[in-house]
C-alpha atoms as a PDB file:
ATOM      1  CA  UNK A   1     -29.242  79.691  43.461  1.00  0.00           C
ATOM      2  CA  UNK A   2     -29.080  83.469  43.974  1.00  0.00           C
ATOM      3  CA  UNK A   3     -28.297  83.064  47.690  1.00  0.00           C
ATOM      4  CA  UNK A   4     -25.059  81.245  46.777  1.00  0.00           C
ATOM      5  CA  UNK A   5     -24.000  84.032  44.421  1.00  0.00           C
ATOM      6  CA  UNK A   6     -24.608  86.716  47.056  1.00  0.00           C
ATOM      7  CA  UNK A   7     -22.812  84.746  49.773  1.00  0.00           C
ATOM      8  CA  UNK A   8     -19.704  84.505  47.574  1.00  0.00           C
ATOM      9  CA  UNK A   9     -19.879  88.217  46.787  1.00  0.00           C
ATOM     10  CA  UNK A  10     -19.848  89.048  50.498  1.00  0.00           C
ATOM     11  CA  UNK A  11     -16.300  87.679  50.757  1.00  0.00           C
ATOM     12  CA  UNK A  12     -14.976  89.449  47.646  1.00  0.00           C
ATOM     13  CA  UNK A  13     -12.871  92.447  48.571  1.00  0.00           C
ATOM     14  CA  UNK A  14     -11.193  95.190  46.636  1.00  0.00           C
ATOM     15  CA  UNK A  15      -7.391  95.159  46.584  1.00  0.00           C
ATOM     16  CA  UNK A  16      -5.644  97.345  49.174  1.00  0.00           C
ATOM     17  CA  UNK A  17      -2.094  98.561  49.595  1.00  0.00           C
ATOM     18  CA  UNK A  18      -0.193  97.252  52.626  1.00  0.00           C
ATOM     19  CA  UNK A  19       3.162  98.694  53.743  1.00  0.00           C
ATOM     20  CA  UNK A  20       5.780  96.907  55.783  1.00  0.00           C
ATOM     21  CA  UNK A  21       8.846  94.689  55.784  1.00  0.00           C
ATOM     22  CA  UNK A  22       9.007  91.322  54.051  1.00  0.00           C
ATOM     23  CA  UNK A  23      10.200  88.923  56.695  1.00  0.00           C
ATOM     24  CA  UNK A  24      10.003  85.319  57.772  1.00  0.00           C
ATOM     25  CA  UNK A  25       7.416  83.956  60.176  1.00  0.00           C
ATOM     26  CA  UNK A  26      10.080  82.742  62.612  1.00  0.00           C
ATOM     27  CA  UNK A  27      11.350  86.243  63.442  1.00  0.00           C
ATOM     28  CA  UNK A  28       8.112  88.180  62.882  1.00  0.00           C
ATOM     29  CA  UNK A  29       6.036  85.897  65.131  1.00  0.00           C
ATOM     30  CA  UNK A  30       8.605  85.688  67.969  1.00  0.00           C
ATOM     31  CA  UNK A  31       9.506  82.046  67.415  1.00  0.00           C
ATOM     32  CA  UNK A  32      13.175  82.835  68.106  1.00  0.00           C
ATOM     33  CA  UNK A  33      13.042  86.600  68.510  1.00  0.00           C
ATOM     34  CA  UNK A  34      11.914  88.674  71.452  1.00  0.00           C
ATOM     35  CA  UNK A  35      11.470  91.847  69.413  1.00  0.00           C
ATOM     36  CA  UNK A  36       9.469  90.541  66.429  1.00  0.00           C
ATOM     37  CA  UNK A  37      12.453  91.398  64.270  1.00  0.00           C
ATOM     38  CA  UNK A  38      15.832  90.079  63.135  1.00  0.00           C
ATOM     39  CA  UNK A  39      17.633  92.039  65.845  1.00  0.00           C
ATOM     40  CA  UNK A  40      18.772  89.106  68.032  1.00  0.00           C
ATOM     41  CA  UNK A  41      19.725  86.921  65.091  1.00  0.00           C
ATOM     42  CA  UNK A  42      21.756  89.700  63.475  1.00  0.00           C
ATOM     43  CA  UNK A  43      23.662  90.331  66.720  1.00  0.00           C
ATOM     44  CA  UNK A  44      24.535  86.651  67.056  1.00  0.00           C
ATOM     45  CA  UNK A  45      25.255  86.313  63.308  1.00  0.00           C
ATOM     46  CA  UNK A  46      23.873  82.790  63.627  1.00  0.00           C
ATOM     47  CA  UNK A  47      21.494  83.190  60.694  1.00  0.00           C
ATOM     48  CA  UNK A  48      23.287  85.687  58.496  1.00  0.00           C
ATOM     49  CA  UNK A  49      24.389  89.273  58.721  1.00  0.00           C
ATOM     50  CA  UNK A  50      21.382  91.036  57.142  1.00  0.00           C
ATOM     51  CA  UNK A  51      17.599  90.930  57.430  1.00  0.00           C
ATOM     52  CA  UNK A  52      17.553  89.401  53.939  1.00  0.00           C
ATOM     53  CA  UNK A  53      19.923  86.529  54.752  1.00  0.00           C
ATOM     54  CA  UNK A  54      18.197  85.909  58.088  1.00  0.00           C
ATOM     55  CA  UNK A  55      14.789  85.642  56.398  1.00  0.00           C
ATOM     56  CA  UNK A  56      16.068  83.360  53.644  1.00  0.00           C
ATOM     57  CA  UNK A  57      17.822  81.116  56.194  1.00  0.00           C
ATOM     58  CA  UNK A  58      14.724  80.848  58.396  1.00  0.00           C
ATOM     59  CA  UNK A  59      12.488  80.028  55.442  1.00  0.00           C
ATOM     60  CA  UNK A  60      14.863  77.447  53.965  1.00  0.00           C
ATOM     61  CA  UNK A  61      16.103  75.806  57.184  1.00  0.00           C
ATOM     62  CA  UNK A  62      13.674  76.591  60.020  1.00  0.00           C
ATOM     63  CA  UNK A  63      10.284  76.004  58.403  1.00  0.00           C
ATOM     64  CA  UNK A  64       9.348  79.667  58.168  1.00  0.00           C
ATOM     65  CA  UNK A  65       7.225  81.275  55.495  1.00  0.00           C
ATOM     66  CA  UNK A  66       7.102  84.738  53.925  1.00  0.00           C
ATOM     67  CA  UNK A  67       5.178  87.402  55.821  1.00  0.00           C
ATOM     68  CA  UNK A  68       4.607  91.134  55.711  1.00  0.00           C
ATOM     69  CA  UNK A  69       5.443  92.653  59.067  1.00  0.00           C
ATOM     70  CA  UNK A  70       3.503  95.908  59.370  1.00  0.00           C
ATOM     71  CA  UNK A  71       3.869  97.365  62.849  1.00  0.00           C
ATOM     72  CA  UNK A  72       2.025  95.039  65.211  1.00  0.00           C
ATOM     73  CA  UNK A  73       0.386  93.170  62.324  1.00  0.00           C
ATOM     74  CA  UNK A  74       1.905  90.180  60.572  1.00  0.00           C
ATOM     75  CA  UNK A  75       0.277  88.883  57.389  1.00  0.00           C
ATOM     76  CA  UNK A  76       1.176  85.714  55.538  1.00  0.00           C
ATOM     77  CA  UNK A  77       1.999  86.349  51.853  1.00  0.00           C
ATOM     78  CA  UNK A  78       0.665  83.778  49.390  1.00  0.00           C
ATOM     79  CA  UNK A  79       2.666  84.447  46.210  1.00  0.00           C
ATOM     80  CA  UNK A  80       6.212  83.283  46.868  1.00  0.00           C
ATOM     81  CA  UNK A  81       6.957  83.647  43.154  1.00  0.00           C
ATOM     82  CA  UNK A  82       6.299  87.407  43.373  1.00  0.00           C
ATOM     83  CA  UNK A  83       7.627  88.031  46.883  1.00  0.00           C
ATOM     84  CA  UNK A  84      10.875  86.034  46.827  1.00  0.00           C
ATOM     85  CA  UNK A  85      13.792  88.436  46.505  1.00  0.00           C
ATOM     86  CA  UNK A  86      12.164  91.145  48.635  1.00  0.00           C
ATOM     87  CA  UNK A  87      13.113  89.507  51.965  1.00  0.00           C
ATOM     88  CA  UNK A  88      14.378  92.054  54.479  1.00  0.00           C
ATOM     89  CA  UNK A  89      13.128  95.062  52.507  1.00  0.00           C
ATOM     90  CA  UNK A  90      10.457  97.726  53.019  1.00  0.00           C
ATOM     91  CA  UNK A  91       7.714  97.234  50.461  1.00  0.00           C
ATOM     92  CA  UNK A  92       4.238  98.178  49.350  1.00  0.00           C
ATOM     93  CA  UNK A  93       2.058  95.156  48.598  1.00  0.00           C
ATOM     94  CA  UNK A  94      -1.128  95.481  46.592  1.00  0.00           C
ATOM     95  CA  UNK A  95      -3.392  92.588  47.426  1.00  0.00           C
ATOM     96  CA  UNK A  96      -6.565  91.206  48.930  1.00  0.00           C
ATOM     97  CA  UNK A  97      -6.654  90.295  52.618  1.00  0.00           C
ATOM     98  CA  UNK A  98      -8.253  87.031  53.685  1.00  0.00           C
ATOM     99  CA  UNK A  99      -9.068  87.903  57.310  1.00  0.00           C
ATOM    100  CA  UNK A 100      -9.814  84.306  58.283  1.00  0.00           C
ATOM    101  CA  UNK A 101      -6.333  83.157  57.254  1.00  0.00           C
ATOM    102  CA  UNK A 102      -4.645  86.512  58.006  1.00  0.00           C
ATOM    103  CA  UNK A 103      -3.130  86.157  54.553  1.00  0.00           C
ATOM    104  CA  UNK A 104      -2.678  88.627  51.714  1.00  0.00           C
ATOM    105  CA  UNK A 105      -3.251  87.392  48.178  1.00  0.00           C
ATOM    106  CA  UNK A 106      -0.439  89.348  46.520  1.00  0.00           C
ATOM    107  CA  UNK A 107      -1.236  91.035  43.223  1.00  0.00           C
ATOM    108  CA  UNK A 108       1.784  93.351  43.054  1.00  0.00           C
ATOM    109  CA  UNK A 109       4.834  94.143  45.187  1.00  0.00           C
ATOM    110  CA  UNK A 110       7.217  97.093  44.943  1.00  0.00           C
ATOM    111  CA  UNK A 111      10.063  98.445  47.016  1.00  0.00           C
ATOM    112  CA  UNK A 112       8.795 101.349  49.081  1.00  0.00           C
ATOM    113  CA  UNK A 113      11.533 103.627  47.703  1.00  0.00           C
ATOM    114  CA  UNK A 114      10.489 102.831  44.115  1.00  0.00           C
ATOM    115  CA  UNK A 115       6.889 103.716  44.889  1.00  0.00           C
ATOM    116  CA  UNK A 116       7.977 107.039  46.404  1.00  0.00           C
ATOM    117  CA  UNK A 117      10.190 107.867  43.414  1.00  0.00           C
ATOM    118  CA  UNK A 118       7.556 106.790  40.876  1.00  0.00           C
ATOM    119  CA  UNK A 119       9.546 103.834  39.521  1.00  0.00           C
ATOM    120  CA  UNK A 120       7.745 100.548  38.980  1.00  0.00           C
ATOM    121  CA  UNK A 121       8.922  96.983  38.415  1.00  0.00           C
END
């Protein structure tokens, strides 16, 4: 009985803050991008004219999902209800990383500029 409780506690993690760009998996994971970004799609204007419209298009029409692109790391974001609307923007995400799924359980998300200026949503 106690072994089960301790095994579950081993996987519990404290929330961390992750910084990066909210993107779609299609661009961030090089499905149709060579630079892990929206650069090629924005040049061709085939999926919108901004990082936001490109991400929304890829999620709605190409089977992508929301991710946080943080340098060379790409993390899936699990709370679409909190994250939707931040596509194409630099953010700070407070959440818990599930390393097996490479997914962040999002607790809070803020624009990076709001965090720097002390504003909160």
